[in-house]
Amino acid sequence: MIRAVHLALYAHATKGRPLERRKLYQFVPEIAITTLLLLVAALQPTE
């Protein structure tokens, strides 16, 4: 949730700045993958 808010704020702050917005788009896949991995790890049952 925090990462989504951070990306949304960064996207809003870089409105009208194509170079900075391109940098944001480069980070989106990495952030999505790491967030998904953290979610999967958190939902794994412990033995």
PDB file of N, CA and C in Angstrom:
ATOM      1  N   MET A   1       0.819  -1.185   0.000  1.00  0.00           N
ATOM      2  CA  MET A   1       0.000   0.000   0.000  1.00  0.00           C
ATOM      3  C   MET A   1       0.870   1.259   0.000  1.00  0.00           C
ATOM      4  N   ILE A   2       1.896   1.260   0.820  1.00  0.00           N
ATOM      5  CA  ILE A   2       2.770   2.429   0.899  1.00  0.00           C
ATOM      6  C   ILE A   2       3.488   2.643  -0.426  1.00  0.00           C
ATOM      7  N   ARG A   3       3.897   1.560  -1.061  1.00  0.00           N
ATOM      8  CA  ARG A   3       4.588   1.699  -2.346  1.00  0.00           C
ATOM      9  C   ARG A   3       3.660   2.264  -3.413  1.00  0.00           C
ATOM     10  N   ALA A   4       2.404   1.863  -3.396  1.00  0.00           N
ATOM     11  CA  ALA A   4       1.437   2.381  -4.368  1.00  0.00           C
ATOM     12  C   ALA A   4       1.217   3.879  -4.168  1.00  0.00           C
ATOM     13  N   VAL A   5       1.102   4.292  -2.917  1.00  0.00           N
ATOM     14  CA  VAL A   5       0.927   5.720  -2.622  1.00  0.00           C
ATOM     15  C   VAL A   5       2.172   6.497  -3.044  1.00  0.00           C
ATOM     16  N   HIS A   6       3.338   5.933  -2.775  1.00  0.00           N
ATOM     17  CA  HIS A   6       4.584   6.594  -3.158  1.00  0.00           C
ATOM     18  C   HIS A   6       4.656   6.773  -4.674  1.00  0.00           C
ATOM     19  N   LEU A   7       4.314   5.728  -5.432  1.00  0.00           N
ATOM     20  CA  LEU A   7       4.326   5.829  -6.893  1.00  0.00           C
ATOM     21  C   LEU A   7       3.307   6.849  -7.395  1.00  0.00           C
ATOM     22  N   ALA A   8       2.144   6.864  -6.778  1.00  0.00           N
ATOM     23  CA  ALA A   8       1.112   7.824  -7.188  1.00  0.00           C
ATOM     24  C   ALA A   8       1.558   9.260  -6.927  1.00  0.00           C
ATOM     25  N   LEU A   9       2.167   9.490  -5.777  1.00  0.00           N
ATOM     26  CA  LEU A   9       2.655  10.838  -5.471  1.00  0.00           C
ATOM     27  C   LEU A   9       3.780  11.247  -6.417  1.00  0.00           C
ATOM     28  N   TYR A  10       4.664  10.310  -6.703  1.00  0.00           N
ATOM     29  CA  TYR A  10       5.762  10.609  -7.614  1.00  0.00           C
ATOM     30  C   TYR A  10       5.230  10.890  -9.021  1.00  0.00           C
ATOM     31  N   ALA A  11       4.234  10.119  -9.451  1.00  0.00           N
ATOM     32  CA  ALA A  11       3.630  10.350 -10.768  1.00  0.00           C
ATOM     33  C   ALA A  11       2.981  11.726 -10.825  1.00  0.00           C
ATOM     34  N   HIS A  12       2.317  12.112  -9.749  1.00  0.00           N
ATOM     35  CA  HIS A  12       1.686  13.435  -9.707  1.00  0.00           C
ATOM     36  C   HIS A  12       2.740  14.548  -9.721  1.00  0.00           C
ATOM     37  N   ALA A  13       3.844  14.333  -9.012  1.00  0.00           N
ATOM     38  CA  ALA A  13       4.887  15.355  -8.937  1.00  0.00           C
ATOM     39  C   ALA A  13       5.637  15.523 -10.252  1.00  0.00           C
ATOM     40  N   THR A  14       5.673  14.474 -11.060  1.00  0.00           N
ATOM     41  CA  THR A  14       6.417  14.552 -12.319  1.00  0.00           C
ATOM     42  C   THR A  14       5.515  14.835 -13.510  1.00  0.00           C
ATOM     43  N   LYS A  15       4.314  15.279 -13.245  1.00  0.00           N
ATOM     44  CA  LYS A  15       3.395  15.613 -14.334  1.00  0.00           C
ATOM     45  C   LYS A  15       3.993  16.742 -15.176  1.00  0.00           C
ATOM     46  N   GLY A  16       4.068  16.521 -16.467  1.00  0.00           N
ATOM     47  CA  GLY A  16       4.633  17.530 -17.358  1.00  0.00           C
ATOM     48  C   GLY A  16       6.140  17.440 -17.512  1.00  0.00           C
ATOM     49  N   ARG A  17       6.760  16.447 -16.917  1.00  0.00           N
ATOM     50  CA  ARG A  17       8.211  16.249 -17.017  1.00  0.00           C
ATOM     51  C   ARG A  17       8.480  14.856 -17.585  1.00  0.00           C
ATOM     52  N   PRO A  18       8.601  14.751 -18.883  1.00  0.00           N
ATOM     53  CA  PRO A  18       8.718  13.423 -19.510  1.00  0.00           C
ATOM     54  C   PRO A  18       9.956  12.635 -19.099  1.00  0.00           C
ATOM     55  N   LEU A  19      11.065  13.295 -18.856  1.00  0.00           N
ATOM     56  CA  LEU A  19      12.281  12.570 -18.476  1.00  0.00           C
ATOM     57  C   LEU A  19      12.116  11.911 -17.104  1.00  0.00           C
ATOM     58  N   GLU A  20      11.590  12.656 -16.141  1.00  0.00           N
ATOM     59  CA  GLU A  20      11.377  12.094 -14.811  1.00  0.00           C
ATOM     60  C   GLU A  20      10.299  11.010 -14.831  1.00  0.00           C
ATOM     61  N   ARG A  21       9.274  11.222 -15.657  1.00  0.00           N
ATOM     62  CA  ARG A  21       8.202  10.231 -15.756  1.00  0.00           C
ATOM     63  C   ARG A  21       8.736   8.933 -16.354  1.00  0.00           C
ATOM     64  N   ARG A  22       9.682   9.028 -17.293  1.00  0.00           N
ATOM     65  CA  ARG A  22      10.294   7.833 -17.881  1.00  0.00           C
ATOM     66  C   ARG A  22      11.069   7.049 -16.825  1.00  0.00           C
ATOM     67  N   LYS A  23      11.746   7.765 -15.934  1.00  0.00           N
ATOM     68  CA  LYS A  23      12.466   7.103 -14.841  1.00  0.00           C
ATOM     69  C   LYS A  23      11.488   6.355 -13.929  1.00  0.00           C
ATOM     70  N   LEU A  24      10.338   6.960 -13.673  1.00  0.00           N
ATOM     71  CA  LEU A  24       9.323   6.306 -12.860  1.00  0.00           C
ATOM     72  C   LEU A  24       8.871   5.009 -13.515  1.00  0.00           C
ATOM     73  N   TYR A  25       8.623   5.038 -14.812  1.00  0.00           N
ATOM     74  CA  TYR A  25       8.176   3.839 -15.518  1.00  0.00           C
ATOM     75  C   TYR A  25       9.236   2.747 -15.516  1.00  0.00           C
ATOM     76  N   GLN A  26      10.501   3.103 -15.390  1.00  0.00           N
ATOM     77  CA  GLN A  26      11.557   2.090 -15.313  1.00  0.00           C
ATOM     78  C   GLN A  26      11.525   1.365 -13.971  1.00  0.00           C
ATOM     79  N   PHE A  27      11.085   2.029 -12.919  1.00  0.00           N
ATOM     80  CA  PHE A  27      11.047   1.425 -11.589  1.00  0.00           C
ATOM     81  C   PHE A  27       9.781   0.616 -11.322  1.00  0.00           C
ATOM     82  N   VAL A  28       8.727   0.840 -12.075  1.00  0.00           N
ATOM     83  CA  VAL A  28       7.449   0.186 -11.809  1.00  0.00           C
ATOM     84  C   VAL A  28       7.548  -1.343 -11.851  1.00  0.00           C
ATOM     85  N   PRO A  29       8.171  -1.958 -12.868  1.00  0.00           N
ATOM     86  CA  PRO A  29       8.245  -3.428 -12.858  1.00  0.00           C
ATOM     87  C   PRO A  29       8.997  -3.980 -11.644  1.00  0.00           C
ATOM     88  N   GLU A  30      10.091  -3.353 -11.279  1.00  0.00           N
ATOM     89  CA  GLU A  30      10.862  -3.806 -10.123  1.00  0.00           C
ATOM     90  C   GLU A  30      10.038  -3.710  -8.845  1.00  0.00           C
ATOM     91  N   ILE A  31       9.345  -2.619  -8.664  1.00  0.00           N
ATOM     92  CA  ILE A  31       8.537  -2.426  -7.468  1.00  0.00           C
ATOM     93  C   ILE A  31       7.368  -3.413  -7.448  1.00  0.00           C
ATOM     94  N   ALA A  32       6.764  -3.659  -8.594  1.00  0.00           N
ATOM     95  CA  ALA A  32       5.647  -4.602  -8.653  1.00  0.00           C
ATOM     96  C   ALA A  32       6.106  -6.019  -8.322  1.00  0.00           C
ATOM     97  N   ILE A  33       7.242  -6.430  -8.853  1.00  0.00           N
ATOM     98  CA  ILE A  33       7.749  -7.783  -8.595  1.00  0.00           C
ATOM     99  C   ILE A  33       8.126  -7.954  -7.129  1.00  0.00           C
ATOM    100  N   THR A  34       8.842  -6.993  -6.572  1.00  0.00           N
ATOM    101  CA  THR A  34       9.253  -7.132  -5.174  1.00  0.00           C
ATOM    102  C   THR A  34       8.052  -7.091  -4.231  1.00  0.00           C
ATOM    103  N   THR A  35       7.053  -6.284  -4.546  1.00  0.00           N
ATOM    104  CA  THR A  35       5.854  -6.235  -3.727  1.00  0.00           C
ATOM    105  C   THR A  35       5.114  -7.565  -3.796  1.00  0.00           C
ATOM    106  N   LEU A  36       5.024  -8.145  -4.974  1.00  0.00           N
ATOM    107  CA  LEU A  36       4.365  -9.435  -5.131  1.00  0.00           C
ATOM    108  C   LEU A  36       5.113 -10.521  -4.359  1.00  0.00           C
ATOM    109  N   LEU A  37       6.433 -10.521  -4.428  1.00  0.00           N
ATOM    110  CA  LEU A  37       7.215 -11.507  -3.680  1.00  0.00           C
ATOM    111  C   LEU A  37       7.034 -11.361  -2.175  1.00  0.00           C
ATOM    112  N   LEU A  38       7.000 -10.127  -1.683  1.00  0.00           N
ATOM    113  CA  LEU A  38       6.767  -9.900  -0.256  1.00  0.00           C
ATOM    114  C   LEU A  38       5.379 -10.372   0.167  1.00  0.00           C
ATOM    115  N   LEU A  39       4.396 -10.150  -0.666  1.00  0.00           N
ATOM    116  CA  LEU A  39       3.036 -10.586  -0.365  1.00  0.00           C
ATOM    117  C   LEU A  39       2.943 -12.104  -0.334  1.00  0.00           C
ATOM    118  N   VAL A  40       3.550 -12.762  -1.300  1.00  0.00           N
ATOM    119  CA  VAL A  40       3.548 -14.229  -1.333  1.00  0.00           C
ATOM    120  C   VAL A  40       4.263 -14.789  -0.110  1.00  0.00           C
ATOM    121  N   ALA A  41       5.381 -14.217   0.246  1.00  0.00           N
ATOM    122  CA  ALA A  41       6.129 -14.693   1.413  1.00  0.00           C
ATOM    123  C   ALA A  41       5.330 -14.479   2.698  1.00  0.00           C
ATOM    124  N   ALA A  42       4.609 -13.403   2.785  1.00  0.00           N
ATOM    125  CA  ALA A  42       3.834 -13.127   3.987  1.00  0.00           C
ATOM    126  C   ALA A  42       2.644 -14.079   4.132  1.00  0.00           C
ATOM    127  N   LEU A  43       2.134 -14.565   3.024  1.00  0.00           N
ATOM    128  CA  LEU A  43       0.954 -15.434   3.071  1.00  0.00           C
ATOM    129  C   LEU A  43       1.302 -16.916   3.176  1.00  0.00           C
ATOM    130  N   GLN A  44       2.567 -17.262   3.132  1.00  0.00           N
ATOM    131  CA  GLN A  44       2.985 -18.668   3.259  1.00  0.00           C
ATOM    132  C   GLN A  44       2.741 -19.132   4.686  1.00  0.00           C
ATOM    133  N   PRO A  45       2.132 -20.315   4.824  1.00  0.00           N
ATOM    134  CA  PRO A  45       1.901 -20.817   6.179  1.00  0.00           C
ATOM    135  C   PRO A  45       3.217 -21.276   6.829  1.00  0.00           C
ATOM    136  N   THR A  46       3.316 -21.081   8.112  1.00  0.00           N
ATOM    137  CA  THR A  46       4.511 -21.538   8.826  1.00  0.00           C
ATOM    138  C   THR A  46       4.263 -22.940   9.344  1.00  0.00           C
ATOM    139  N   GLU A  47       5.311 -23.690   9.465  1.00  0.00           N
ATOM    140  CA  GLU A  47       5.187 -25.073   9.941  1.00  0.00           C
ATOM    141  C   GLU A  47       5.827 -25.230  11.288  1.00  0.00           C
TER     142      GLU A  47
END
